[in-house]
Amino acid sequence: MTSPSPSVLDLAPVIPVVVIDDAAHAVPMARALVAGGLPAIEVTLRTPAALDAIRAIAEEVPEAVVGVGTVLTPEHVEASVAAGARFLVSPGWTERLLGAMRASGVPFLPGVSTTSEVVALLERGVTEMKFFPAEAAGGTAYLRSLASPLPQARFCPTGGIDASRAPGYLALPNVGCVGGTWMLPSDVVAAGDWRRVEELAREAATLRP
């Protein structure tokens, strides 16, 4: 990802990864996350409500840095940017997708899970990446092993990370932040308990060792 300072990786120790089923939840959820100290919010393109949610957050919660996750195609890139996305996140990458994300002018985090993928992105001038699925792909031990040979690569690990695992990732020199969902329990979101979301976000915002 090539982006102006500050990098998305440096906005907060945790990027909430949000799956929104009801677009009406988007604005109060975003406000709660921002109030708790987590301004960067990744809304995934996994539900029909996603683009409406992104648009609502972009328009009504300007203090949030709303991004879009599960970006898989150039069409996703175009729709996400049109909805107001300020960064893009993909679980993996192809030349076509990478070209579209780069051409968008929006900061992006292409997903990697192998050393060869990291080297290929570095060769293309991309130094900031999503490491996914983090726990399944080797976790902190894998990322620690990349730090010496590939010190220029920085990561946002996502996938299987919770409040107990996050500090281990955040202690690594090549990790800028982590992605996770634990501050958004499904029952809490369904109940619209945004005060509890804010509390969990505030706890997450203090996790960096």
Protein backbone atom coordinates (compact mmCIF):
# COMPACT_ATOMS: atom_id res chain seq x y z
CA MET A 1 0.00 0.00 0.00
CA THR A 2 1.36 3.39 -0.90
CA SER A 3 -0.41 6.07 1.10
CA PRO A 4 0.07 9.50 2.59
CA SER A 5 1.15 9.75 6.20
CA PRO A 6 -0.18 8.59 8.54
CA SER A 7 -0.57 5.08 7.23
CA VAL A 8 -3.78 3.19 7.92
CA LEU A 9 -1.56 0.79 9.87
CA ASP A 10 -0.70 3.57 12.31
CA LEU A 11 -4.16 4.97 13.10
CA ALA A 12 -4.90 2.52 15.95
CA PRO A 13 -3.63 -0.85 17.16
CA VAL A 14 -6.81 -2.57 15.98
CA ILE A 15 -8.95 -2.24 12.86
CA PRO A 16 -12.46 -3.56 13.55
CA VAL A 17 -13.56 -5.93 10.78
CA VAL A 18 -17.28 -5.33 10.40
CA VAL A 19 -19.95 -7.49 8.77
CA ILE A 20 -23.12 -5.40 8.59
CA ASP A 21 -26.46 -7.08 7.96
CA ASP A 22 -28.54 -3.99 8.72
CA ALA A 23 -27.37 -0.69 7.24
CA ALA A 24 -29.22 1.13 10.03
CA HIS A 25 -26.55 -0.13 12.43
CA ALA A 26 -23.70 1.41 10.46
CA VAL A 27 -23.67 4.96 11.82
CA PRO A 28 -24.20 4.22 15.55
CA MET A 29 -21.69 1.36 15.34
CA ALA A 30 -19.09 3.60 13.70
CA ARG A 31 -19.66 6.35 16.24
CA ALA A 32 -19.18 3.88 19.09
CA LEU A 33 -15.96 2.50 17.60
CA VAL A 34 -14.53 5.97 17.01
CA ALA A 35 -15.50 7.09 20.52
CA GLY A 36 -13.66 4.06 21.86
CA GLY A 37 -10.48 5.01 20.02
CA LEU A 38 -10.72 2.88 16.87
CA PRO A 39 -11.16 5.32 13.95
CA ALA A 40 -10.19 2.95 11.10
CA ILE A 41 -13.13 0.66 10.33
CA GLU A 42 -13.13 -2.10 7.70
CA VAL A 43 -16.62 -2.88 6.42
CA THR A 44 -16.55 -6.15 4.50
CA LEU A 45 -18.37 -6.70 1.22
CA ARG A 46 -20.04 -9.85 2.54
CA THR A 47 -23.62 -8.65 2.81
CA PRO A 48 -26.10 -6.77 0.59
CA ALA A 49 -26.09 -3.93 3.14
CA ALA A 50 -22.34 -3.30 2.93
CA LEU A 51 -22.18 -0.51 0.35
CA ASP A 52 -25.11 1.37 1.91
CA ALA A 53 -23.37 1.05 5.28
CA ILE A 54 -20.09 2.38 3.91
CA ARG A 55 -21.87 5.29 2.26
CA ALA A 56 -23.69 6.16 5.50
CA ILE A 57 -20.51 6.07 7.59
CA ALA A 58 -18.61 8.16 5.06
CA GLU A 59 -21.35 10.79 5.00
CA GLU A 60 -22.38 10.89 8.65
CA VAL A 61 -19.28 9.93 10.65
CA PRO A 62 -16.48 12.03 9.10
CA GLU A 63 -14.14 11.30 12.00
CA ALA A 64 -14.17 7.62 11.01
CA VAL A 65 -11.71 6.36 8.42
CA VAL A 66 -13.99 3.88 6.69
CA GLY A 67 -12.42 1.18 4.57
CA VAL A 68 -13.76 -1.75 2.61
CA GLY A 69 -12.72 -5.37 3.05
CA THR A 70 -13.23 -8.55 1.04
CA VAL A 71 -12.36 -6.59 -2.11
CA LEU A 72 -12.00 -9.25 -4.81
CA THR A 73 -12.48 -7.56 -8.19
CA PRO A 74 -11.86 -4.26 -9.98
CA GLU A 75 -15.63 -3.79 -9.85
CA HIS A 76 -15.48 -4.04 -6.07
CA VAL A 77 -12.77 -1.38 -6.07
CA GLU A 78 -14.86 0.98 -8.17
CA ALA A 79 -18.03 0.50 -6.11
CA SER A 80 -16.14 0.86 -2.82
CA VAL A 81 -14.46 4.12 -3.78
CA ALA A 82 -17.75 5.48 -5.13
CA ALA A 83 -19.36 4.69 -1.76
CA GLY A 84 -16.70 6.67 0.11
CA ALA A 85 -14.03 4.11 1.01
CA ARG A 86 -10.82 5.66 2.32
CA PHE A 87 -8.85 2.41 2.16
CA LEU A 88 -9.24 -1.03 0.57
CA VAL A 89 -8.43 -4.49 1.93
CA SER A 90 -8.32 -7.75 -0.02
CA PRO A 91 -7.85 -11.31 1.30
CA GLY A 92 -5.43 -11.99 -1.56
CA TRP A 93 -4.32 -10.38 -4.79
CA THR A 94 -3.91 -10.83 -8.52
CA GLU A 95 -2.20 -8.54 -11.01
CA ARG A 96 -5.61 -7.31 -12.20
CA LEU A 97 -6.89 -6.58 -8.71
CA LEU A 98 -3.62 -4.98 -7.63
CA GLY A 99 -3.69 -2.74 -10.70
CA ALA A 100 -7.23 -1.61 -9.93
CA MET A 101 -6.45 -0.89 -6.28
CA ARG A 102 -3.34 1.07 -7.22
CA ALA A 103 -5.24 3.03 -9.89
CA SER A 104 -7.98 3.95 -7.40
CA GLY A 105 -5.71 6.40 -5.61
CA VAL A 106 -6.97 5.00 -2.29
CA PRO A 107 -4.59 3.32 0.19
CA PHE A 108 -4.82 -0.46 0.02
CA LEU A 109 -3.74 -3.59 1.87
CA PRO A 110 -3.45 -6.62 -0.42
CA GLY A 111 -3.66 -9.95 1.36
CA VAL A 112 -0.72 -12.36 1.62
CA SER A 113 -0.07 -15.64 3.38
CA THR A 114 3.27 -16.78 1.91
CA THR A 115 6.78 -15.40 1.66
CA SER A 116 6.66 -15.50 -2.14
CA GLU A 117 3.55 -13.32 -2.16
CA VAL A 118 5.27 -10.81 0.11
CA VAL A 119 8.37 -10.71 -2.10
CA ALA A 120 6.20 -10.30 -5.21
CA LEU A 121 4.47 -7.27 -3.69
CA LEU A 122 7.74 -5.74 -2.53
CA GLU A 123 9.01 -6.16 -6.09
CA ARG A 124 6.00 -4.08 -7.19
CA GLY A 125 6.65 -1.34 -4.65
CA VAL A 126 3.99 -2.36 -2.14
CA THR A 127 5.27 -2.50 1.44
CA GLU A 128 2.05 -2.65 3.52
CA MET A 129 -0.07 -5.78 3.43
CA LYS A 130 -2.78 -7.78 5.14
CA PHE A 131 -1.55 -11.12 6.53
CA PHE A 132 -4.49 -13.48 6.18
CA PRO A 133 -5.66 -15.86 7.55
CA ALA A 134 -3.23 -14.97 10.31
CA GLU A 135 -3.66 -17.79 12.82
CA ALA A 136 -4.15 -20.49 10.18
CA ALA A 137 -1.19 -19.25 8.12
CA GLY A 138 1.38 -19.45 10.91
CA GLY A 139 0.55 -16.67 13.34
CA THR A 140 3.14 -14.70 15.24
CA ALA A 141 5.88 -17.27 14.66
CA TYR A 142 5.55 -16.93 10.89
CA LEU A 143 5.53 -13.14 10.93
CA ARG A 144 8.47 -13.03 13.32
CA SER A 145 10.46 -15.17 10.90
CA LEU A 146 9.81 -12.66 8.08
CA ALA A 147 11.04 -9.63 10.01
CA SER A 148 14.77 -10.16 9.45
CA PRO A 149 14.89 -11.11 5.75
CA LEU A 150 12.04 -8.75 4.76
CA PRO A 151 12.19 -5.81 7.19
CA GLN A 152 10.58 -3.40 4.72
CA ALA A 153 7.28 -5.32 4.77
CA ARG A 154 4.65 -4.22 7.32
CA PHE A 155 1.50 -6.15 8.09
CA CYS A 156 -2.04 -5.98 9.42
CA PRO A 157 -2.68 -9.60 10.49
CA THR A 158 -6.33 -10.62 10.40
CA GLY A 159 -8.07 -13.95 10.92
CA GLY A 160 -8.50 -15.78 14.21
CA ILE A 161 -7.14 -12.91 16.31
CA ASP A 162 -8.88 -11.97 19.55
CA ALA A 163 -8.10 -9.78 22.55
CA SER A 164 -5.81 -12.42 24.06
CA ARG A 165 -3.77 -12.99 20.87
CA ALA A 166 -3.56 -9.38 19.67
CA PRO A 167 -0.76 -8.21 22.00
CA GLY A 168 1.55 -10.94 20.72
CA TYR A 169 1.11 -9.70 17.17
CA LEU A 170 1.36 -6.04 18.13
CA ALA A 171 4.70 -6.67 19.83
CA LEU A 172 6.28 -7.71 16.51
CA PRO A 173 8.40 -5.08 14.70
CA ASN A 174 6.72 -5.73 11.34
CA VAL A 175 3.11 -5.46 12.57
CA GLY A 176 1.44 -2.05 12.46
CA CYS A 177 -2.00 -3.13 13.65
CA VAL A 178 -4.29 -6.15 13.71
CA GLY A 179 -7.80 -6.73 12.40
CA GLY A 180 -10.50 -8.39 14.43
CA THR A 181 -14.17 -8.67 15.28
CA TRP A 182 -14.13 -9.31 19.01
CA MET A 183 -15.26 -5.78 19.92
CA LEU A 184 -18.46 -6.43 17.95
CA PRO A 185 -20.11 -9.53 19.47
CA SER A 186 -23.10 -10.51 17.36
CA ASP A 187 -25.54 -10.42 20.28
CA VAL A 188 -24.35 -6.98 21.35
CA VAL A 189 -24.71 -5.62 17.81
CA ALA A 190 -28.13 -7.23 17.36
CA ALA A 191 -29.29 -5.57 20.59
CA GLY A 192 -27.93 -2.20 19.48
CA ASP A 193 -25.86 -1.94 22.66
CA TRP A 194 -23.48 0.69 21.31
CA ARG A 195 -22.27 1.64 24.79
CA ARG A 196 -20.89 -1.88 25.16
CA VAL A 197 -19.27 -1.66 21.71
CA GLU A 198 -17.59 1.57 22.79
CA GLU A 199 -16.31 -0.10 25.97
CA LEU A 200 -14.87 -3.04 24.02
CA ALA A 201 -13.33 -0.68 21.48
CA ARG A 202 -11.69 1.32 24.26
CA GLU A 203 -10.17 -1.87 25.66
CA ALA A 204 -8.91 -2.85 22.20
CA ALA A 205 -7.36 0.59 21.67
CA THR A 206 -5.04 0.00 24.66
CA LEU A 207 -3.74 -3.42 23.57
CA ARG A 208 -0.41 -2.34 22.06
CA PRO A 209 2.34 -3.54 24.46
